[in-house]
Amino acid sequence: MALGFPTIFKKKVSEEKVAELFVNIVFNAVDSSFEDVAELINNDINLVERPTVASDDTDNFLLVIIAGNYRLLEDYFDDGQDDRIRALVVKRLASVYEIPEDRMQKVIDDMLGFFQKINFPSKNIHYAMSKAVFYKYDLAKYQKEYFRNLSSPDPIFLKHLDEIIDQFIIRWDHFTEKYKIAD
């Protein structure tokens, strides 16, 4: 029945399912694409020396993507609902990494704190994620001398990182158009 009212009859989905989707989407995206990400970074024409980001060195990148998307949940879900989904995401991630939930929460919180530190005063999570990749992979030393001495990303290179990171941000708006979170 296609009457042009897709938002009237939304399918119901549980918060647990949203958390499961979050974890699956992030892991699948990084697992299937990090080799390309490493290649793009290693071959960026704005770097004067070639970095050596290994195609299997996903840990920092994965954590940046997890933390950024974790923080962005509040932009798509109601107050309280976002917190419950976050708690379920932490529970799932703790299970995957076989660590206690409080330790997993601390890892995410530490990365979010790092975002704030490197991106102050901006609160733009997308840019913070790009800068975090820059610093976590120690890319300053591969830049032109001016930016290397500043230990700050070349704005053109940072723009390239922004474009890469954009591909890893979950677009929950499409999901919430079709699905309603069950109470």
C-alpha atoms as a PDB file:
ATOM      1  CA  MET A   1       0.000   0.000   0.000  1.00  0.00           C
ATOM      2  CA  ALA A   2       1.970   2.993  -1.273  1.00  0.00           C
ATOM      3  CA  LEU A   3      -0.152   6.058  -0.623  1.00  0.00           C
ATOM      4  CA  GLY A   4       2.738   8.453  -0.174  1.00  0.00           C
ATOM      5  CA  PHE A   5       2.497   8.573   3.604  1.00  0.00           C
ATOM      6  CA  PRO A   6       5.605   6.679   4.688  1.00  0.00           C
ATOM      7  CA  THR A   7       5.826   8.343   8.082  1.00  0.00           C
ATOM      8  CA  ILE A   8       2.283   7.579   9.239  1.00  0.00           C
ATOM      9  CA  PHE A   9       2.786   3.837   9.627  1.00  0.00           C
ATOM     10  CA  LYS A  10       6.274   3.363  10.982  1.00  0.00           C
ATOM     11  CA  LYS A  11       7.580  -0.071  11.816  1.00  0.00           C
ATOM     12  CA  LYS A  12       8.438  -0.511  15.475  1.00  0.00           C
ATOM     13  CA  VAL A  13      11.929  -1.499  16.505  1.00  0.00           C
ATOM     14  CA  SER A  14      13.457  -1.960  19.946  1.00  0.00           C
ATOM     15  CA  GLU A  15      16.261   0.086  21.449  1.00  0.00           C
ATOM     16  CA  GLU A  16      18.246  -3.161  21.610  1.00  0.00           C
ATOM     17  CA  LYS A  17      17.906  -3.503  17.829  1.00  0.00           C
ATOM     18  CA  VAL A  18      19.139   0.067  17.338  1.00  0.00           C
ATOM     19  CA  ALA A  19      22.197  -0.679  19.498  1.00  0.00           C
ATOM     20  CA  GLU A  20      22.823  -3.870  17.541  1.00  0.00           C
ATOM     21  CA  LEU A  21      22.571  -1.926  14.267  1.00  0.00           C
ATOM     22  CA  PHE A  22      24.957   0.729  15.599  1.00  0.00           C
ATOM     23  CA  VAL A  23      27.638  -1.828  16.441  1.00  0.00           C
ATOM     24  CA  ASN A  24      27.155  -3.839  13.242  1.00  0.00           C
ATOM     25  CA  ILE A  25      27.187  -0.777  10.987  1.00  0.00           C
ATOM     26  CA  VAL A  26      30.339   0.658  12.561  1.00  0.00           C
ATOM     27  CA  PHE A  27      32.286  -2.602  12.585  1.00  0.00           C
ATOM     28  CA  ASN A  28      31.221  -3.562   9.050  1.00  0.00           C
ATOM     29  CA  ALA A  29      32.052  -0.122   7.668  1.00  0.00           C
ATOM     30  CA  VAL A  30      35.524  -0.035   9.223  1.00  0.00           C
ATOM     31  CA  ASP A  31      36.286  -3.689   8.471  1.00  0.00           C
ATOM     32  CA  SER A  32      35.314  -3.342   4.828  1.00  0.00           C
ATOM     33  CA  SER A  33      36.821   0.092   4.170  1.00  0.00           C
ATOM     34  CA  PHE A  34      39.851   0.762   6.330  1.00  0.00           C
ATOM     35  CA  GLU A  35      42.270  -0.548   3.724  1.00  0.00           C
ATOM     36  CA  ASP A  36      40.985   2.191   1.395  1.00  0.00           C
ATOM     37  CA  VAL A  37      41.147   4.780   4.190  1.00  0.00           C
ATOM     38  CA  ALA A  38      44.795   3.895   4.872  1.00  0.00           C
ATOM     39  CA  GLU A  39      45.575   4.138   1.159  1.00  0.00           C
ATOM     40  CA  LEU A  40      43.893   7.540   0.875  1.00  0.00           C
ATOM     41  CA  ILE A  41      45.850   8.862   3.857  1.00  0.00           C
ATOM     42  CA  ASN A  42      49.136   7.338   2.724  1.00  0.00           C
ATOM     43  CA  ASN A  43      48.795   8.789  -0.784  1.00  0.00           C
ATOM     44  CA  ASP A  44      47.361  12.219   0.016  1.00  0.00           C
ATOM     45  CA  ILE A  45      49.048  14.804  -2.203  1.00  0.00           C
ATOM     46  CA  ASN A  46      49.040  17.410   0.579  1.00  0.00           C
ATOM     47  CA  LEU A  47      51.539  15.428   2.613  1.00  0.00           C
ATOM     48  CA  VAL A  48      55.197  15.938   1.730  1.00  0.00           C
ATOM     49  CA  GLU A  49      56.227  12.541   3.049  1.00  0.00           C
ATOM     50  CA  ARG A  50      54.297   9.327   2.697  1.00  0.00           C
ATOM     51  CA  PRO A  51      52.791   8.079   5.969  1.00  0.00           C
ATOM     52  CA  THR A  52      52.812   4.385   6.723  1.00  0.00           C
ATOM     53  CA  VAL A  53      49.320   3.781   8.030  1.00  0.00           C
ATOM     54  CA  ALA A  54      48.995   0.010   7.845  1.00  0.00           C
ATOM     55  CA  SER A  55      45.842  -1.390   6.269  1.00  0.00           C
ATOM     56  CA  ASP A  56      45.228  -3.469   9.405  1.00  0.00           C
ATOM     57  CA  ASP A  57      45.899  -0.665  11.933  1.00  0.00           C
ATOM     58  CA  THR A  58      42.206  -0.086  12.549  1.00  0.00           C
ATOM     59  CA  ASP A  59      42.075   0.261  16.336  1.00  0.00           C
ATOM     60  CA  ASN A  60      42.360   4.055  16.613  1.00  0.00           C
ATOM     61  CA  PHE A  61      40.163   4.657  13.590  1.00  0.00           C
ATOM     62  CA  LEU A  62      37.478   2.292  14.869  1.00  0.00           C
ATOM     63  CA  LEU A  63      37.468   3.975  18.264  1.00  0.00           C
ATOM     64  CA  VAL A  64      37.156   7.424  16.661  1.00  0.00           C
ATOM     65  CA  ILE A  65      34.196   6.195  14.590  1.00  0.00           C
ATOM     66  CA  ILE A  66      32.549   4.531  17.599  1.00  0.00           C
ATOM     67  CA  ALA A  67      32.934   7.585  19.850  1.00  0.00           C
ATOM     68  CA  GLY A  68      31.793  10.058  17.210  1.00  0.00           C
ATOM     69  CA  ASN A  69      28.693   8.097  16.296  1.00  0.00           C
ATOM     70  CA  TYR A  70      27.997   7.419  19.975  1.00  0.00           C
ATOM     71  CA  ARG A  71      27.994  11.163  20.631  1.00  0.00           C
ATOM     72  CA  LEU A  72      25.808  11.855  17.567  1.00  0.00           C
ATOM     73  CA  LEU A  73      22.995   9.600  18.820  1.00  0.00           C
ATOM     74  CA  GLU A  74      21.588  12.570  20.731  1.00  0.00           C
ATOM     75  CA  ASP A  75      20.987  14.368  17.434  1.00  0.00           C
ATOM     76  CA  TYR A  76      18.566  11.683  16.241  1.00  0.00           C
ATOM     77  CA  PHE A  77      16.821  10.198  19.267  1.00  0.00           C
ATOM     78  CA  ASP A  78      14.712  11.684  22.043  1.00  0.00           C
ATOM     79  CA  ASP A  79      16.146  12.598  25.435  1.00  0.00           C
ATOM     80  CA  GLY A  80      16.387   9.493  27.554  1.00  0.00           C
ATOM     81  CA  GLN A  81      16.066   7.278  24.513  1.00  0.00           C
ATOM     82  CA  ASP A  82      19.551   8.267  23.345  1.00  0.00           C
ATOM     83  CA  ASP A  83      20.952   7.473  26.803  1.00  0.00           C
ATOM     84  CA  ARG A  84      19.315   4.040  26.856  1.00  0.00           C
ATOM     85  CA  ILE A  85      20.610   3.277  23.363  1.00  0.00           C
ATOM     86  CA  ARG A  86      24.100   4.431  24.394  1.00  0.00           C
ATOM     87  CA  ALA A  87      24.026   2.128  27.421  1.00  0.00           C
ATOM     88  CA  LEU A  88      23.023  -0.770  25.164  1.00  0.00           C
ATOM     89  CA  VAL A  89      25.796   0.120  22.694  1.00  0.00           C
ATOM     90  CA  VAL A  90      28.334   0.080  25.530  1.00  0.00           C
ATOM     91  CA  LYS A  91      26.979  -3.274  26.696  1.00  0.00           C
ATOM     92  CA  ARG A  92      27.347  -4.750  23.185  1.00  0.00           C
ATOM     93  CA  LEU A  93      30.823  -3.297  22.691  1.00  0.00           C
ATOM     94  CA  ALA A  94      31.954  -4.545  26.099  1.00  0.00           C
ATOM     95  CA  SER A  95      30.770  -7.998  25.085  1.00  0.00           C
ATOM     96  CA  VAL A  96      32.648  -7.823  21.771  1.00  0.00           C
ATOM     97  CA  TYR A  97      35.869  -6.706  23.471  1.00  0.00           C
ATOM     98  CA  GLU A  98      35.291  -8.977  26.479  1.00  0.00           C
ATOM     99  CA  ILE A  99      35.798  -6.173  28.979  1.00  0.00           C
ATOM    100  CA  PRO A 100      33.595  -4.772  31.748  1.00  0.00           C
ATOM    101  CA  GLU A 101      30.992  -2.227  30.665  1.00  0.00           C
ATOM    102  CA  ASP A 102      32.451   0.493  32.893  1.00  0.00           C
ATOM    103  CA  ARG A 103      35.839   0.066  31.207  1.00  0.00           C
ATOM    104  CA  MET A 104      34.246   0.276  27.757  1.00  0.00           C
ATOM    105  CA  GLN A 105      32.383   3.414  28.832  1.00  0.00           C
ATOM    106  CA  LYS A 106      35.663   4.940  30.042  1.00  0.00           C
ATOM    107  CA  VAL A 107      37.360   4.217  26.702  1.00  0.00           C
ATOM    108  CA  ILE A 108      34.562   6.016  24.858  1.00  0.00           C
ATOM    109  CA  ASP A 109      34.491   8.881  27.361  1.00  0.00           C
ATOM    110  CA  ASP A 110      38.266   9.280  27.061  1.00  0.00           C
ATOM    111  CA  MET A 111      37.990   9.573  23.286  1.00  0.00           C
ATOM    112  CA  LEU A 112      35.159  12.095  23.607  1.00  0.00           C
ATOM    113  CA  GLY A 113      37.363  14.069  26.017  1.00  0.00           C
ATOM    114  CA  PHE A 114      40.159  13.917  23.458  1.00  0.00           C
ATOM    115  CA  PHE A 115      37.713  15.278  20.859  1.00  0.00           C
ATOM    116  CA  GLN A 116      36.971  18.260  23.116  1.00  0.00           C
ATOM    117  CA  LYS A 117      40.637  18.921  23.790  1.00  0.00           C
ATOM    118  CA  ILE A 118      41.800  18.898  20.158  1.00  0.00           C
ATOM    119  CA  ASN A 119      38.750  20.671  18.763  1.00  0.00           C
ATOM    120  CA  PHE A 120      38.227  23.401  21.356  1.00  0.00           C
ATOM    121  CA  PRO A 121      36.302  25.699  21.160  1.00  0.00           C
ATOM    122  CA  SER A 122      34.341  24.040  18.345  1.00  0.00           C
ATOM    123  CA  LYS A 123      31.778  21.424  19.300  1.00  0.00           C
ATOM    124  CA  ASN A 124      31.503  19.988  15.790  1.00  0.00           C
ATOM    125  CA  ILE A 125      31.922  16.230  16.270  1.00  0.00           C
ATOM    126  CA  HIS A 126      32.611  15.577  12.592  1.00  0.00           C
ATOM    127  CA  TYR A 127      35.652  17.884  12.669  1.00  0.00           C
ATOM    128  CA  ALA A 128      36.762  16.459  15.997  1.00  0.00           C
ATOM    129  CA  MET A 129      36.717  12.975  14.491  1.00  0.00           C
ATOM    130  CA  SER A 130      38.911  14.114  11.588  1.00  0.00           C
ATOM    131  CA  LYS A 131      41.363  15.811  13.923  1.00  0.00           C
ATOM    132  CA  ALA A 132      41.432  12.734  16.139  1.00  0.00           C
ATOM    133  CA  VAL A 133      42.448  10.571  13.168  1.00  0.00           C
ATOM    134  CA  PHE A 134      45.153  13.132  12.364  1.00  0.00           C
ATOM    135  CA  TYR A 135      46.594  12.999  15.895  1.00  0.00           C
ATOM    136  CA  LYS A 136      46.058   9.291  16.600  1.00  0.00           C
ATOM    137  CA  TYR A 137      47.978   8.345  13.454  1.00  0.00           C
ATOM    138  CA  ASP A 138      50.665  10.973  14.158  1.00  0.00           C
ATOM    139  CA  LEU A 139      50.260  12.563  10.735  1.00  0.00           C
ATOM    140  CA  ALA A 140      51.750  15.964  11.624  1.00  0.00           C
ATOM    141  CA  LYS A 141      55.265  14.772  10.841  1.00  0.00           C
ATOM    142  CA  TYR A 142      54.323  14.087   7.202  1.00  0.00           C
ATOM    143  CA  GLN A 143      53.121  17.612   6.447  1.00  0.00           C
ATOM    144  CA  LYS A 144      54.806  20.702   5.064  1.00  0.00           C
ATOM    145  CA  GLU A 145      57.256  22.207   7.535  1.00  0.00           C
ATOM    146  CA  TYR A 146      54.964  25.082   8.533  1.00  0.00           C
ATOM    147  CA  PHE A 147      52.121  22.803   9.666  1.00  0.00           C
ATOM    148  CA  ARG A 148      54.538  20.186  11.037  1.00  0.00           C
ATOM    149  CA  ASN A 149      56.077  22.848  13.315  1.00  0.00           C
ATOM    150  CA  LEU A 150      52.624  23.905  14.457  1.00  0.00           C
ATOM    151  CA  SER A 151      51.700  20.243  14.987  1.00  0.00           C
ATOM    152  CA  SER A 152      48.390  21.216  13.476  1.00  0.00           C
ATOM    153  CA  PRO A 153      46.649  19.748  10.446  1.00  0.00           C
ATOM    154  CA  ASP A 154      47.010  21.471   7.101  1.00  0.00           C
ATOM    155  CA  PRO A 155      43.443  22.721   6.410  1.00  0.00           C
ATOM    156  CA  ILE A 156      43.419  21.126   2.959  1.00  0.00           C
ATOM    157  CA  PHE A 157      44.528  17.771   4.342  1.00  0.00           C
ATOM    158  CA  LEU A 158      41.996  18.109   7.161  1.00  0.00           C
ATOM    159  CA  LYS A 159      39.282  18.693   4.548  1.00  0.00           C
ATOM    160  CA  HIS A 160      40.275  15.391   2.932  1.00  0.00           C
ATOM    161  CA  LEU A 161      40.008  13.671   6.319  1.00  0.00           C
ATOM    162  CA  ASP A 162      36.562  15.283   6.793  1.00  0.00           C
ATOM    163  CA  GLU A 163      35.430  13.744   3.508  1.00  0.00           C
ATOM    164  CA  ILE A 164      36.667  10.328   4.614  1.00  0.00           C
ATOM    165  CA  ILE A 165      35.059  10.593   8.063  1.00  0.00           C
ATOM    166  CA  ASP A 166      31.769  11.673   6.498  1.00  0.00           C
ATOM    167  CA  GLN A 167      31.462   8.195   4.990  1.00  0.00           C
ATOM    168  CA  PHE A 168      31.503   6.664   8.496  1.00  0.00           C
ATOM    169  CA  ILE A 169      28.841   8.808  10.158  1.00  0.00           C
ATOM    170  CA  ILE A 170      25.616   6.888  10.621  1.00  0.00           C
ATOM    171  CA  ARG A 171      22.669   8.715   9.105  1.00  0.00           C
ATOM    172  CA  TRP A 172      19.962   7.851  11.618  1.00  0.00           C
ATOM    173  CA  ASP A 173      17.581  10.375  10.064  1.00  0.00           C
ATOM    174  CA  HIS A 174      16.769   7.890   7.285  1.00  0.00           C
ATOM    175  CA  PHE A 175      16.209   5.184   9.880  1.00  0.00           C
ATOM    176  CA  THR A 176      13.936   7.324  12.068  1.00  0.00           C
ATOM    177  CA  GLU A 177      11.813   8.248   9.043  1.00  0.00           C
ATOM    178  CA  LYS A 178      10.835   4.579   8.658  1.00  0.00           C
ATOM    179  CA  TYR A 179      11.054   3.209  12.179  1.00  0.00           C
ATOM    180  CA  LYS A 180       9.656   4.121  15.560  1.00  0.00           C
ATOM    181  CA  ILE A 181      11.480   3.033  18.676  1.00  0.00           C
ATOM    182  CA  ALA A 182       9.195   0.738  20.676  1.00  0.00           C
ATOM    183  CA  ASP A 183       8.661   1.681  24.312  1.00  0.00           C
END
